[in-house]
Amino acid sequence: MKDLALLLDDRPGALARMGAALGQAGVSVEGGGAWVVGGKGVAHFLVADADEAAAVRALARADITLSAVREVLVQRLRQDVPGQLGLLCQRMADAGVNIEVLYSDHANQLILVVDDIAAGRAASQAWSDGETWA
């Protein structure tokens, strides 16, 4: 999975234009979110690896600014155990990994964009292996 970081206009229809461009290219959005920060639209959307090239082309054709395409970590939290988000984030911090973006996908999995994908992947794998199910 890949995270697409986008800069959008802060105006009605900006997200619709982005969604239409991806849809016309046959790219399905698997998760993400959008915010207004400092008068500019900032969005992160998740696409399948196989759709990355089509998404990049579609956004360029629609003149939508793509600021980055990055690998993500995909993690599932145990919803029956309170504090899982804090524990996972602490695990990343203990590994020296900065979480730059965090959101959920349509399958209720946590999506993390981190500054060190290798260290993040190791910490995420340790979490998945059950080392931190406190």
N, C-alpha and C. Protein backbone atom coordinates (compact mmCIF):
# COMPACT_ATOMS: atom_id res chain seq x y z
N MET A 1 0.84 -1.17 0.00
CA MET A 1 0.00 0.00 0.00
C MET A 1 0.89 1.24 0.00
N LYS A 2 0.38 2.29 -0.60
CA LYS A 2 1.11 3.56 -0.68
C LYS A 2 0.24 4.70 -0.18
N ASP A 3 0.88 5.64 0.50
CA ASP A 3 0.22 6.86 0.95
C ASP A 3 0.53 7.95 -0.07
N LEU A 4 -0.51 8.59 -0.57
CA LEU A 4 -0.36 9.73 -1.47
C LEU A 4 -0.59 10.98 -0.64
N ALA A 5 0.40 11.84 -0.56
CA ALA A 5 0.28 13.12 0.16
C ALA A 5 -0.06 14.19 -0.87
N LEU A 6 -1.17 14.88 -0.67
CA LEU A 6 -1.67 15.84 -1.65
C LEU A 6 -1.83 17.22 -1.03
N LEU A 7 -1.64 18.23 -1.84
CA LEU A 7 -1.94 19.61 -1.47
C LEU A 7 -3.13 20.04 -2.33
N LEU A 8 -4.17 20.47 -1.67
CA LEU A 8 -5.41 20.83 -2.37
C LEU A 8 -5.80 22.27 -2.04
N ASP A 9 -6.59 22.85 -2.91
CA ASP A 9 -7.14 24.16 -2.62
C ASP A 9 -8.16 24.03 -1.50
N ASP A 10 -8.25 25.03 -0.66
CA ASP A 10 -9.24 25.07 0.41
C ASP A 10 -10.49 25.73 -0.15
N ARG A 11 -11.26 24.95 -0.92
CA ARG A 11 -12.48 25.47 -1.54
C ARG A 11 -13.40 24.31 -1.85
N PRO A 12 -14.68 24.59 -1.96
CA PRO A 12 -15.63 23.54 -2.31
C PRO A 12 -15.27 22.88 -3.64
N GLY A 13 -15.32 21.57 -3.67
CA GLY A 13 -15.07 20.82 -4.90
C GLY A 13 -13.67 20.29 -5.06
N ALA A 14 -12.73 20.74 -4.24
CA ALA A 14 -11.34 20.28 -4.40
C ALA A 14 -11.23 18.77 -4.18
N LEU A 15 -11.86 18.27 -3.14
CA LEU A 15 -11.83 16.81 -2.90
C LEU A 15 -12.61 16.06 -3.96
N ALA A 16 -13.70 16.63 -4.42
CA ALA A 16 -14.48 15.99 -5.47
C ALA A 16 -13.66 15.84 -6.74
N ARG A 17 -12.90 16.86 -7.08
CA ARG A 17 -12.05 16.81 -8.28
C ARG A 17 -10.99 15.72 -8.15
N MET A 18 -10.38 15.63 -6.95
CA MET A 18 -9.37 14.61 -6.70
C MET A 18 -10.00 13.22 -6.81
N GLY A 19 -11.16 13.04 -6.16
CA GLY A 19 -11.83 11.75 -6.20
C GLY A 19 -12.24 11.35 -7.60
N ALA A 20 -12.72 12.31 -8.37
CA ALA A 20 -13.12 12.04 -9.75
C ALA A 20 -11.92 11.64 -10.60
N ALA A 21 -10.80 12.33 -10.41
CA ALA A 21 -9.59 12.01 -11.19
C ALA A 21 -9.14 10.58 -10.91
N LEU A 22 -9.12 10.20 -9.64
CA LEU A 22 -8.70 8.84 -9.30
C LEU A 22 -9.73 7.82 -9.80
N GLY A 23 -11.01 8.13 -9.63
CA GLY A 23 -12.05 7.22 -10.08
C GLY A 23 -12.03 6.98 -11.58
N GLN A 24 -11.83 8.05 -12.35
CA GLN A 24 -11.77 7.90 -13.80
C GLN A 24 -10.57 7.08 -14.24
N ALA A 25 -9.53 7.04 -13.41
CA ALA A 25 -8.34 6.24 -13.71
C ALA A 25 -8.48 4.81 -13.18
N GLY A 26 -9.61 4.51 -12.54
CA GLY A 26 -9.82 3.17 -12.02
C GLY A 26 -9.10 2.90 -10.71
N VAL A 27 -8.71 3.97 -10.00
CA VAL A 27 -7.98 3.83 -8.74
C VAL A 27 -8.96 3.92 -7.58
N SER A 28 -8.94 2.91 -6.74
CA SER A 28 -9.79 2.90 -5.55
C SER A 28 -9.01 3.45 -4.36
N VAL A 29 -9.64 4.33 -3.62
CA VAL A 29 -9.06 4.88 -2.40
C VAL A 29 -9.37 3.89 -1.28
N GLU A 30 -8.33 3.43 -0.60
CA GLU A 30 -8.49 2.40 0.44
C GLU A 30 -8.60 2.98 1.84
N GLY A 31 -8.38 4.27 2.00
CA GLY A 31 -8.46 4.94 3.29
C GLY A 31 -7.85 6.31 3.17
N GLY A 32 -7.91 7.09 4.24
CA GLY A 32 -7.26 8.39 4.22
C GLY A 32 -8.08 9.46 4.89
N GLY A 33 -7.64 10.68 4.69
CA GLY A 33 -8.31 11.82 5.27
C GLY A 33 -7.78 13.11 4.70
N ALA A 34 -8.49 14.20 4.99
CA ALA A 34 -8.09 15.52 4.49
C ALA A 34 -8.40 16.56 5.56
N TRP A 35 -7.54 17.58 5.63
CA TRP A 35 -7.65 18.64 6.62
C TRP A 35 -7.28 19.96 5.98
N VAL A 36 -7.70 21.04 6.60
CA VAL A 36 -7.24 22.36 6.20
C VAL A 36 -6.23 22.80 7.26
N VAL A 37 -5.03 23.13 6.79
CA VAL A 37 -3.95 23.56 7.67
C VAL A 37 -3.38 24.85 7.09
N GLY A 38 -3.47 25.92 7.84
CA GLY A 38 -2.92 27.19 7.37
C GLY A 38 -3.52 27.66 6.06
N GLY A 39 -4.81 27.41 5.87
CA GLY A 39 -5.48 27.88 4.66
C GLY A 39 -5.24 27.04 3.43
N LYS A 40 -4.62 25.86 3.59
CA LYS A 40 -4.34 24.97 2.46
C LYS A 40 -4.89 23.59 2.78
N GLY A 41 -5.44 22.93 1.80
CA GLY A 41 -5.91 21.57 1.98
C GLY A 41 -4.74 20.60 1.97
N VAL A 42 -4.69 19.74 2.97
CA VAL A 42 -3.66 18.71 3.07
C VAL A 42 -4.40 17.38 3.15
N ALA A 43 -4.04 16.45 2.29
CA ALA A 43 -4.73 15.16 2.27
C ALA A 43 -3.73 14.02 2.17
N HIS A 44 -4.11 12.91 2.76
CA HIS A 44 -3.35 11.67 2.65
C HIS A 44 -4.35 10.58 2.30
N PHE A 45 -4.10 9.89 1.19
CA PHE A 45 -4.99 8.82 0.78
C PHE A 45 -4.17 7.58 0.46
N LEU A 46 -4.75 6.44 0.80
CA LEU A 46 -4.11 5.14 0.64
C LEU A 46 -4.57 4.49 -0.64
N VAL A 47 -3.61 3.99 -1.42
CA VAL A 47 -3.94 3.24 -2.64
C VAL A 47 -3.10 1.96 -2.66
N ALA A 48 -3.60 0.98 -3.37
CA ALA A 48 -2.87 -0.27 -3.53
C ALA A 48 -1.61 -0.02 -4.34
N ASP A 49 -0.58 -0.80 -4.06
CA ASP A 49 0.68 -0.66 -4.79
C ASP A 49 0.46 -0.71 -6.30
N ALA A 50 -0.42 -1.61 -6.74
CA ALA A 50 -0.67 -1.77 -8.17
C ALA A 50 -1.31 -0.54 -8.80
N ASP A 51 -1.94 0.31 -7.98
CA ASP A 51 -2.61 1.51 -8.49
C ASP A 51 -1.75 2.77 -8.41
N GLU A 52 -0.56 2.66 -7.85
CA GLU A 52 0.28 3.85 -7.63
C GLU A 52 0.54 4.63 -8.92
N ALA A 53 1.02 3.97 -9.94
CA ALA A 53 1.38 4.67 -11.19
C ALA A 53 0.16 5.34 -11.81
N ALA A 54 -0.96 4.64 -11.84
CA ALA A 54 -2.19 5.21 -12.41
C ALA A 54 -2.65 6.42 -11.59
N ALA A 55 -2.52 6.33 -10.27
CA ALA A 55 -2.91 7.45 -9.41
C ALA A 55 -2.04 8.67 -9.67
N VAL A 56 -0.75 8.45 -9.77
CA VAL A 56 0.19 9.56 -10.01
C VAL A 56 -0.13 10.23 -11.35
N ARG A 57 -0.36 9.44 -12.38
CA ARG A 57 -0.70 10.00 -13.70
C ARG A 57 -2.01 10.77 -13.65
N ALA A 58 -3.02 10.19 -12.99
CA ALA A 58 -4.33 10.83 -12.93
C ALA A 58 -4.27 12.16 -12.19
N LEU A 59 -3.54 12.21 -11.10
CA LEU A 59 -3.41 13.45 -10.34
C LEU A 59 -2.66 14.51 -11.15
N ALA A 60 -1.64 14.10 -11.86
CA ALA A 60 -0.89 15.04 -12.70
C ALA A 60 -1.79 15.61 -13.80
N ARG A 61 -2.57 14.74 -14.44
CA ARG A 61 -3.49 15.20 -15.50
C ARG A 61 -4.51 16.19 -14.95
N ALA A 62 -4.93 15.99 -13.70
CA ALA A 62 -5.92 16.88 -13.08
C ALA A 62 -5.26 18.10 -12.44
N ASP A 63 -3.97 18.23 -12.58
CA ASP A 63 -3.21 19.35 -12.03
C ASP A 63 -3.39 19.45 -10.51
N ILE A 64 -3.33 18.29 -9.86
CA ILE A 64 -3.40 18.21 -8.40
C ILE A 64 -2.00 17.94 -7.88
N THR A 65 -1.56 18.74 -6.92
CA THR A 65 -0.19 18.63 -6.41
C THR A 65 -0.03 17.41 -5.53
N LEU A 66 0.84 16.52 -5.97
CA LEU A 66 1.21 15.33 -5.21
C LEU A 66 2.56 15.63 -4.58
N SER A 67 2.59 15.76 -3.26
CA SER A 67 3.85 16.14 -2.61
C SER A 67 4.72 14.95 -2.25
N ALA A 68 4.13 13.76 -2.12
CA ALA A 68 4.93 12.57 -1.80
C ALA A 68 4.11 11.31 -2.02
N VAL A 69 4.81 10.24 -2.33
CA VAL A 69 4.25 8.89 -2.36
C VAL A 69 5.16 8.06 -1.47
N ARG A 70 4.57 7.47 -0.42
CA ARG A 70 5.40 6.76 0.55
C ARG A 70 4.81 5.42 0.93
N GLU A 71 5.71 4.51 1.27
CA GLU A 71 5.29 3.23 1.84
C GLU A 71 4.63 3.47 3.18
N VAL A 72 3.79 2.56 3.58
CA VAL A 72 3.11 2.68 4.86
C VAL A 72 3.30 1.41 5.67
N LEU A 73 3.06 1.55 6.95
CA LEU A 73 2.93 0.40 7.84
C LEU A 73 1.44 0.19 8.06
N VAL A 74 1.02 -1.04 8.04
CA VAL A 74 -0.38 -1.38 8.27
C VAL A 74 -0.44 -2.22 9.54
N GLN A 75 -1.25 -1.78 10.48
CA GLN A 75 -1.29 -2.44 11.78
C GLN A 75 -2.73 -2.54 12.26
N ARG A 76 -3.05 -3.62 12.92
CA ARG A 76 -4.37 -3.76 13.53
C ARG A 76 -4.20 -3.68 15.04
N LEU A 77 -5.04 -2.87 15.67
CA LEU A 77 -5.04 -2.76 17.12
C LEU A 77 -6.11 -3.70 17.70
N ARG A 78 -5.87 -4.16 18.90
CA ARG A 78 -6.88 -4.97 19.60
C ARG A 78 -7.88 -4.02 20.23
N GLN A 79 -9.05 -3.93 19.63
CA GLN A 79 -10.06 -2.99 20.10
C GLN A 79 -10.62 -3.35 21.47
N ASP A 80 -10.44 -4.60 21.89
CA ASP A 80 -10.94 -5.02 23.20
C ASP A 80 -9.97 -4.68 24.34
N VAL A 81 -8.82 -4.10 23.99
CA VAL A 81 -7.81 -3.75 25.00
C VAL A 81 -7.59 -2.24 24.96
N PRO A 82 -8.08 -1.51 25.97
CA PRO A 82 -7.87 -0.06 26.01
C PRO A 82 -6.37 0.30 26.04
N GLY A 83 -6.02 1.39 25.39
CA GLY A 83 -4.64 1.88 25.42
C GLY A 83 -3.76 1.38 24.31
N GLN A 84 -4.32 0.63 23.37
CA GLN A 84 -3.50 0.07 22.29
C GLN A 84 -2.80 1.13 21.45
N LEU A 85 -3.50 2.21 21.13
CA LEU A 85 -2.87 3.25 20.32
C LEU A 85 -1.66 3.83 21.04
N GLY A 86 -1.81 4.15 22.30
CA GLY A 86 -0.69 4.69 23.07
C GLY A 86 0.47 3.72 23.16
N LEU A 87 0.16 2.44 23.36
CA LEU A 87 1.23 1.44 23.46
C LEU A 87 1.98 1.28 22.14
N LEU A 88 1.23 1.23 21.03
CA LEU A 88 1.89 1.10 19.73
C LEU A 88 2.74 2.33 19.43
N CYS A 89 2.19 3.50 19.70
CA CYS A 89 2.95 4.74 19.45
C CYS A 89 4.20 4.80 20.33
N GLN A 90 4.10 4.33 21.56
CA GLN A 90 5.27 4.30 22.43
C GLN A 90 6.31 3.32 21.90
N ARG A 91 5.84 2.20 21.38
CA ARG A 91 6.75 1.20 20.79
C ARG A 91 7.53 1.85 19.63
N MET A 92 6.84 2.63 18.81
CA MET A 92 7.51 3.32 17.71
C MET A 92 8.51 4.35 18.26
N ALA A 93 8.10 5.11 19.26
CA ALA A 93 8.99 6.11 19.86
C ALA A 93 10.22 5.46 20.46
N ASP A 94 10.04 4.33 21.15
CA ASP A 94 11.16 3.62 21.74
C ASP A 94 12.15 3.14 20.69
N ALA A 95 11.65 2.88 19.48
CA ALA A 95 12.50 2.46 18.37
C ALA A 95 13.09 3.65 17.62
N GLY A 96 12.79 4.87 18.09
CA GLY A 96 13.30 6.07 17.44
C GLY A 96 12.55 6.44 16.17
N VAL A 97 11.35 5.93 16.02
CA VAL A 97 10.55 6.15 14.81
C VAL A 97 9.54 7.27 15.07
N ASN A 98 9.54 8.26 14.20
CA ASN A 98 8.57 9.35 14.28
C ASN A 98 7.39 9.02 13.36
N ILE A 99 6.20 9.04 13.94
CA ILE A 99 4.98 8.83 13.15
C ILE A 99 4.58 10.18 12.58
N GLU A 100 4.63 10.30 11.26
CA GLU A 100 4.34 11.56 10.60
C GLU A 100 2.87 11.69 10.23
N VAL A 101 2.23 10.58 9.90
CA VAL A 101 0.82 10.57 9.52
C VAL A 101 0.22 9.27 10.04
N LEU A 102 -1.01 9.37 10.56
CA LEU A 102 -1.71 8.20 11.08
C LEU A 102 -3.18 8.33 10.71
N TYR A 103 -3.74 7.29 10.12
CA TYR A 103 -5.17 7.26 9.80
C TYR A 103 -5.62 5.81 9.69
N SER A 104 -6.88 5.58 9.46
CA SER A 104 -7.41 4.22 9.33
C SER A 104 -7.81 3.97 7.88
N ASP A 105 -7.74 2.69 7.50
CA ASP A 105 -8.22 2.32 6.17
C ASP A 105 -9.66 1.81 6.29
N HIS A 106 -10.21 1.37 5.18
CA HIS A 106 -11.60 0.94 5.17
C HIS A 106 -11.81 -0.41 5.85
N ALA A 107 -10.72 -1.10 6.18
CA ALA A 107 -10.79 -2.38 6.89
C ALA A 107 -10.50 -2.21 8.38
N ASN A 108 -10.57 -0.96 8.87
CA ASN A 108 -10.31 -0.65 10.28
C ASN A 108 -8.90 -1.00 10.72
N GLN A 109 -7.97 -0.88 9.82
CA GLN A 109 -6.57 -1.07 10.15
C GLN A 109 -5.92 0.31 10.29
N LEU A 110 -4.93 0.38 11.14
CA LEU A 110 -4.20 1.62 11.35
C LEU A 110 -3.14 1.75 10.27
N ILE A 111 -3.07 2.92 9.63
CA ILE A 111 -2.08 3.21 8.60
C ILE A 111 -1.12 4.23 9.17
N LEU A 112 0.17 3.92 9.12
CA LEU A 112 1.20 4.82 9.65
C LEU A 112 2.20 5.16 8.56
N VAL A 113 2.47 6.45 8.41
CA VAL A 113 3.56 6.93 7.56
C VAL A 113 4.63 7.39 8.54
N VAL A 114 5.81 6.81 8.43
CA VAL A 114 6.86 7.06 9.41
C VAL A 114 8.13 7.56 8.74
N ASP A 115 9.01 8.16 9.56
CA ASP A 115 10.25 8.73 9.02
C ASP A 115 11.32 7.68 8.74
N ASP A 116 11.22 6.50 9.33
CA ASP A 116 12.20 5.43 9.13
C ASP A 116 11.43 4.14 8.91
N ILE A 117 11.19 3.81 7.64
CA ILE A 117 10.33 2.67 7.32
C ILE A 117 10.92 1.36 7.80
N ALA A 118 12.24 1.18 7.75
CA ALA A 118 12.85 -0.08 8.18
C ALA A 118 12.69 -0.28 9.69
N ALA A 119 13.02 0.74 10.47
CA ALA A 119 12.87 0.64 11.93
C ALA A 119 11.39 0.53 12.30
N GLY A 120 10.54 1.26 11.59
CA GLY A 120 9.11 1.18 11.83
C GLY A 120 8.56 -0.20 11.53
N ARG A 121 9.04 -0.78 10.44
CA ARG A 121 8.59 -2.12 10.06
C ARG A 121 8.99 -3.14 11.14
N ALA A 122 10.21 -3.00 11.67
CA ALA A 122 10.66 -3.91 12.73
C ALA A 122 9.81 -3.76 13.98
N ALA A 123 9.54 -2.53 14.38
CA ALA A 123 8.71 -2.30 15.57
C ALA A 123 7.28 -2.80 15.33
N SER A 124 6.75 -2.58 14.14
CA SER A 124 5.42 -3.03 13.80
C SER A 124 5.34 -4.56 13.81
N GLN A 125 6.38 -5.21 13.30
CA GLN A 125 6.40 -6.68 13.29
C GLN A 125 6.46 -7.23 14.71
N ALA A 126 7.27 -6.59 15.56
CA ALA A 126 7.34 -7.02 16.97
C ALA A 126 5.97 -6.88 17.61
N TRP A 127 5.28 -5.80 17.31
CA TRP A 127 3.93 -5.59 17.84
C TRP A 127 2.99 -6.70 17.36
N SER A 128 3.04 -6.99 16.06
CA SER A 128 2.18 -8.02 15.48
C SER A 128 2.49 -9.40 16.07
N ASP A 129 3.75 -9.62 16.40
CA ASP A 129 4.15 -10.90 16.98
C ASP A 129 3.71 -11.03 18.44
N GLY A 130 3.13 -9.97 18.99
CA GLY A 130 2.57 -10.04 20.32
C GLY A 130 3.45 -9.59 21.45
N GLU A 131 4.59 -9.00 21.14
CA GLU A 131 5.50 -8.59 22.20
C GLU A 131 4.96 -7.45 23.03
N THR A 132 4.01 -6.69 22.52
CA THR A 132 3.55 -5.51 23.24
C THR A 132 2.05 -5.51 23.47
N TRP A 133 1.44 -6.65 23.57
CA TRP A 133 0.00 -6.71 23.82
C TRP A 133 -0.27 -6.51 25.31
N ALA A 134 0.22 -5.48 25.89
CA ALA A 134 0.08 -5.25 27.33
C ALA A 134 -1.35 -5.16 27.77
